[in-house]
Amino acid sequence: MDIDGYLELITGKYGEKFYKFGKMLEECNKKFNLTAVTDEKGVLYKHFLDSVCGEKYFPRGCKAVEIGSGGGFPSVPLKIIRDDVDFTLIESTGKKCAFLNEVVDKMPLHGVKVLNIRAEDGAKDKNLREKFDAACARAVAALNTLCEYCLPYVKPGGVFIAYKGDCAEELEAAASAVKILGGEVEKTESYALPDGTGNRTLIVIRKVKNTPAAYPRGLGKERKNPL
């Protein structure tokens, strides 16, 4: 589906649900500082539309994990149009988890679980490590750091979808991390959001082997000393 097709889903078929989510985001943003993007066009294009553009890479009926959920992007827009996907949202900030739980309850969204934990701690949990068909993250960290947070959650054969802007340098810098953590870059897809609101890239990384037990390293090493 192209950009126009996804925009039609947001404003047409699923318009009522996106409107409800947008109003909740607007209200709670005053208390929780969820996003710096608050204008109607910005939320529509930069948050809603950008989030759903990656849906084609989530297998039908998959179990997905989102790292660093924040205000629920891309997970909530994806869940709205892809109810077949079960989501586990990993977020370390309690206030943001409170917002996400409110969204889950009031939308309502079925098959969505919010966990108030650090990504590196969750990745060491035997109930979460390598238990997901797909992982995703948006606006969390540089790609090399992001891979160390996300790939340990993905089963071999599964996929990690990273939402990025212009990222040629990040891709090059992350080549070693991707390999060490058991991944392989399968595809990159670049697209422009409408009305000059941004150039975006989806990076699809296939998990081809188990992540070594030493990763993620924890204690902030993922950010301070990326692989």
Protein backbone atom coordinates (compact mmCIF):
# COMPACT_ATOMS: atom_id res chain seq x y z
CA MET A 1 0.00 0.00 0.00
CA ASP A 2 1.29 3.50 -0.81
CA ILE A 3 1.29 6.67 1.30
CA ASP A 4 -2.11 7.77 -0.03
CA GLY A 5 -3.60 4.37 0.77
CA TYR A 6 -2.40 4.52 4.37
CA LEU A 7 -3.63 8.10 4.71
CA GLU A 8 -7.07 6.96 3.56
CA LEU A 9 -7.11 4.27 6.26
CA ILE A 10 -6.27 6.85 8.93
CA THR A 11 -8.79 9.46 7.84
CA GLY A 12 -11.45 7.10 6.46
CA LYS A 13 -11.94 3.49 7.59
CA TYR A 14 -10.23 3.95 10.96
CA GLY A 15 -10.80 7.69 11.25
CA GLU A 16 -12.90 7.52 14.41
CA LYS A 17 -10.28 5.50 16.29
CA PHE A 18 -7.42 7.75 15.20
CA TYR A 19 -9.45 10.81 16.21
CA LYS A 20 -10.03 9.32 19.68
CA PHE A 21 -6.34 8.48 20.08
CA GLY A 22 -5.38 11.97 18.91
CA LYS A 23 -7.63 13.61 21.51
CA MET A 24 -6.19 11.43 24.27
CA LEU A 25 -2.67 12.30 23.13
CA GLU A 26 -3.51 16.01 23.09
CA GLU A 27 -4.99 15.94 26.59
CA CYS A 28 -2.33 13.78 28.24
CA ASN A 29 0.57 15.54 26.54
CA LYS A 30 -0.10 18.53 28.81
CA LYS A 31 0.70 16.35 31.84
CA PHE A 32 3.19 13.80 30.55
CA ASN A 33 5.17 15.63 27.82
CA LEU A 34 4.71 12.75 25.38
CA THR A 35 5.59 14.56 22.15
CA ALA A 36 6.91 17.88 20.89
CA VAL A 37 4.72 17.49 17.79
CA THR A 38 1.30 18.88 18.72
CA ASP A 39 -0.17 20.53 15.60
CA GLU A 40 -2.89 18.57 13.83
CA LYS A 41 -0.98 18.11 10.57
CA GLY A 42 2.18 17.14 12.39
CA VAL A 43 0.40 14.47 14.44
CA LEU A 44 -1.40 13.14 11.36
CA TYR A 45 1.69 12.87 9.17
CA LYS A 46 4.69 12.59 11.48
CA HIS A 47 3.09 10.26 14.02
CA PHE A 48 0.06 8.46 12.60
CA LEU A 49 1.05 8.11 8.95
CA ASP A 50 4.72 7.40 9.60
CA SER A 51 3.79 4.71 12.13
CA VAL A 52 1.49 2.75 9.82
CA CYS A 53 3.91 2.84 6.87
CA GLY A 54 5.82 -0.09 8.37
CA GLU A 55 2.82 -2.40 8.77
CA LYS A 56 3.69 -4.53 5.75
CA TYR A 57 6.76 -5.87 7.55
CA PHE A 58 4.79 -7.29 10.49
CA PRO A 59 3.78 -10.91 9.74
CA ARG A 60 0.08 -11.75 9.94
CA GLY A 61 -0.92 -12.73 13.50
CA CYS A 62 2.54 -12.06 14.89
CA LYS A 63 3.66 -11.29 18.43
CA ALA A 64 5.47 -7.95 18.39
CA VAL A 65 7.43 -5.97 20.96
CA GLU A 66 8.01 -2.23 20.87
CA ILE A 67 11.03 -0.79 22.64
CA GLY A 68 10.79 2.70 24.11
CA SER A 69 7.08 3.16 23.44
CA GLY A 70 6.79 6.75 24.66
CA GLY A 71 3.47 8.08 23.37
CA GLY A 72 2.70 4.81 21.56
CA PHE A 73 4.38 5.26 18.19
CA PRO A 74 4.39 3.20 16.06
CA SER A 75 2.53 0.58 18.15
CA VAL A 76 -0.88 2.20 18.69
CA PRO A 77 -1.44 3.31 15.07
CA LEU A 78 -0.23 -0.11 13.91
CA LYS A 79 -2.59 -1.87 16.32
CA ILE A 80 -5.52 0.24 15.10
CA ILE A 81 -5.11 -0.94 11.51
CA ARG A 82 -3.63 -4.38 12.30
CA ASP A 83 -5.70 -5.88 15.10
CA ASP A 84 -4.22 -9.28 14.26
CA VAL A 85 -0.88 -8.25 15.81
CA ASP A 86 -0.35 -8.71 19.57
CA PHE A 87 1.86 -6.00 21.06
CA THR A 88 4.02 -5.85 24.17
CA LEU A 89 5.10 -2.27 24.88
CA ILE A 90 8.37 -1.74 26.76
CA GLU A 91 8.66 1.69 28.40
CA SER A 92 10.88 2.70 31.33
CA THR A 93 9.04 5.91 32.32
CA GLY A 94 6.12 5.30 34.64
CA LYS A 95 4.06 8.32 33.54
CA LYS A 96 4.26 7.26 29.91
CA CYS A 97 3.18 3.74 30.90
CA ALA A 98 0.19 5.27 32.69
CA PHE A 99 -0.80 7.02 29.48
CA LEU A 100 -0.32 3.88 27.39
CA ASN A 101 -2.43 1.83 29.80
CA GLU A 102 -5.15 4.49 29.62
CA VAL A 103 -5.11 4.26 25.82
CA VAL A 104 -5.31 0.45 25.95
CA ASP A 105 -8.26 0.60 28.37
CA LYS A 106 -10.25 3.41 26.77
CA MET A 107 -9.79 2.79 23.06
CA PRO A 108 -10.01 -0.19 23.87
CA LEU A 109 -7.13 -2.19 22.40
CA HIS A 110 -7.13 -5.95 22.89
CA GLY A 111 -3.92 -7.97 22.78
CA VAL A 112 -1.72 -5.11 24.05
CA LYS A 113 0.42 -5.35 27.21
CA VAL A 114 2.40 -2.46 28.73
CA LEU A 115 5.54 -3.26 30.76
CA ASN A 116 7.23 -0.59 32.88
CA ILE A 117 10.79 -1.89 32.58
CA ARG A 118 14.09 -0.91 31.02
CA ALA A 119 14.72 -2.48 27.63
CA GLU A 120 18.03 -4.00 28.67
CA ASP A 121 16.45 -5.62 31.74
CA GLY A 122 13.53 -7.06 29.80
CA ALA A 123 15.88 -8.56 27.25
CA LYS A 124 17.45 -10.68 30.01
CA ASP A 125 14.05 -12.04 31.10
CA LYS A 126 13.61 -15.61 29.89
CA ASN A 127 9.89 -14.91 29.32
CA LEU A 128 10.72 -12.10 26.88
CA ARG A 129 14.11 -12.91 25.36
CA GLU A 130 13.81 -14.24 21.80
CA LYS A 131 10.06 -14.71 22.24
CA PHE A 132 8.80 -12.28 19.57
CA ASP A 133 8.22 -12.56 15.83
CA ALA A 134 8.85 -8.84 15.38
CA ALA A 135 10.32 -5.87 17.23
CA CYS A 136 10.03 -2.20 16.43
CA ALA A 137 11.32 1.12 17.72
CA ARG A 138 11.01 4.75 16.69
CA ALA A 139 12.92 7.83 17.88
CA VAL A 140 14.74 5.95 20.65
CA ALA A 141 18.49 5.80 19.90
CA ALA A 142 21.13 5.47 17.19
CA LEU A 143 20.77 2.25 15.20
CA ASN A 144 23.80 0.47 16.68
CA THR A 145 22.46 1.08 20.20
CA LEU A 146 18.93 0.26 19.11
CA CYS A 147 19.96 -3.13 17.74
CA GLU A 148 21.41 -4.10 21.12
CA TYR A 149 18.15 -3.15 22.81
CA CYS A 150 15.83 -4.80 20.28
CA LEU A 151 17.39 -7.83 18.59
CA PRO A 152 17.64 -9.90 21.81
CA TYR A 153 13.82 -9.93 21.95
CA VAL A 154 13.42 -11.35 18.44
CA LYS A 155 13.25 -15.06 17.63
CA PRO A 156 15.66 -16.38 15.01
CA GLY A 157 13.76 -15.98 11.76
CA GLY A 158 11.93 -12.93 13.10
CA VAL A 159 12.37 -9.31 12.13
CA PHE A 160 13.31 -5.96 13.68
CA ILE A 161 11.81 -2.86 12.05
CA ALA A 162 13.59 0.41 12.88
CA TYR A 163 11.83 3.68 12.04
CA LYS A 164 14.41 6.30 11.08
CA GLY A 165 14.94 9.53 9.18
CA ASP A 166 17.84 9.89 6.74
CA CYS A 167 20.14 7.21 8.09
CA ALA A 168 22.93 6.23 5.68
CA GLU A 169 25.63 7.01 8.26
CA GLU A 170 23.75 5.17 11.03
CA LEU A 171 23.42 2.10 8.83
CA GLU A 172 27.14 2.05 8.13
CA ALA A 173 28.01 2.58 11.79
CA ALA A 174 25.64 -0.23 12.86
CA ALA A 175 27.00 -2.92 10.52
CA SER A 176 29.13 -4.55 13.22
CA ALA A 177 26.37 -4.44 15.84
CA VAL A 178 23.85 -6.03 13.50
CA LYS A 179 26.18 -8.93 12.79
CA ILE A 180 27.30 -9.48 16.41
CA LEU A 181 23.70 -9.51 17.65
CA GLY A 182 22.56 -12.11 15.11
CA GLY A 183 20.96 -9.88 12.53
CA GLU A 184 21.22 -9.17 8.83
CA VAL A 185 19.93 -6.06 7.07
CA GLU A 186 17.26 -7.34 4.71
CA LYS A 187 15.82 -4.13 3.30
CA THR A 188 15.66 -0.37 3.59
CA GLU A 189 12.66 1.60 2.38
CA SER A 190 12.74 5.39 2.07
CA TYR A 191 9.68 7.59 1.65
CA ALA A 192 8.63 11.23 1.96
CA LEU A 193 5.78 12.28 4.22
CA PRO A 194 3.26 14.72 2.67
CA ASP A 195 3.60 18.51 2.62
CA GLY A 196 7.33 18.45 3.29
CA THR A 197 6.86 17.06 6.79
CA GLY A 198 9.87 14.75 6.60
CA ASN A 199 11.91 12.09 4.85
CA ARG A 200 11.75 8.72 6.53
CA THR A 201 13.44 5.32 6.28
CA LEU A 202 12.37 1.89 7.44
CA ILE A 203 15.24 -0.49 8.16
CA VAL A 204 14.26 -4.15 8.17
CA ILE A 205 16.71 -6.44 9.97
CA ARG A 206 16.19 -10.20 9.85
CA LYS A 207 17.28 -12.23 12.90
CA VAL A 208 19.38 -15.03 11.39
CA LYS A 209 20.88 -16.53 14.56
CA ASN A 210 20.58 -16.33 18.34
CA THR A 211 21.89 -13.25 20.11
CA PRO A 212 24.89 -14.11 22.32
CA ALA A 213 23.96 -14.22 26.03
CA ALA A 214 26.29 -11.30 26.86
CA TYR A 215 23.97 -8.84 25.09
CA PRO A 216 22.51 -6.43 25.95
CA ARG A 217 25.40 -5.46 28.21
CA GLY A 218 23.41 -3.18 30.55
CA LEU A 219 24.69 -0.36 32.81
CA GLY A 220 24.23 2.10 29.94
CA LYS A 221 26.99 0.54 27.82
CA GLU A 222 24.62 0.25 24.85
CA ARG A 223 24.60 4.06 24.56
CA LYS A 224 28.00 4.98 25.99
CA ASN A 225 30.00 2.43 24.03
CA PRO A 226 27.95 1.14 21.06
CA LEU A 227 29.04 -2.05 19.35
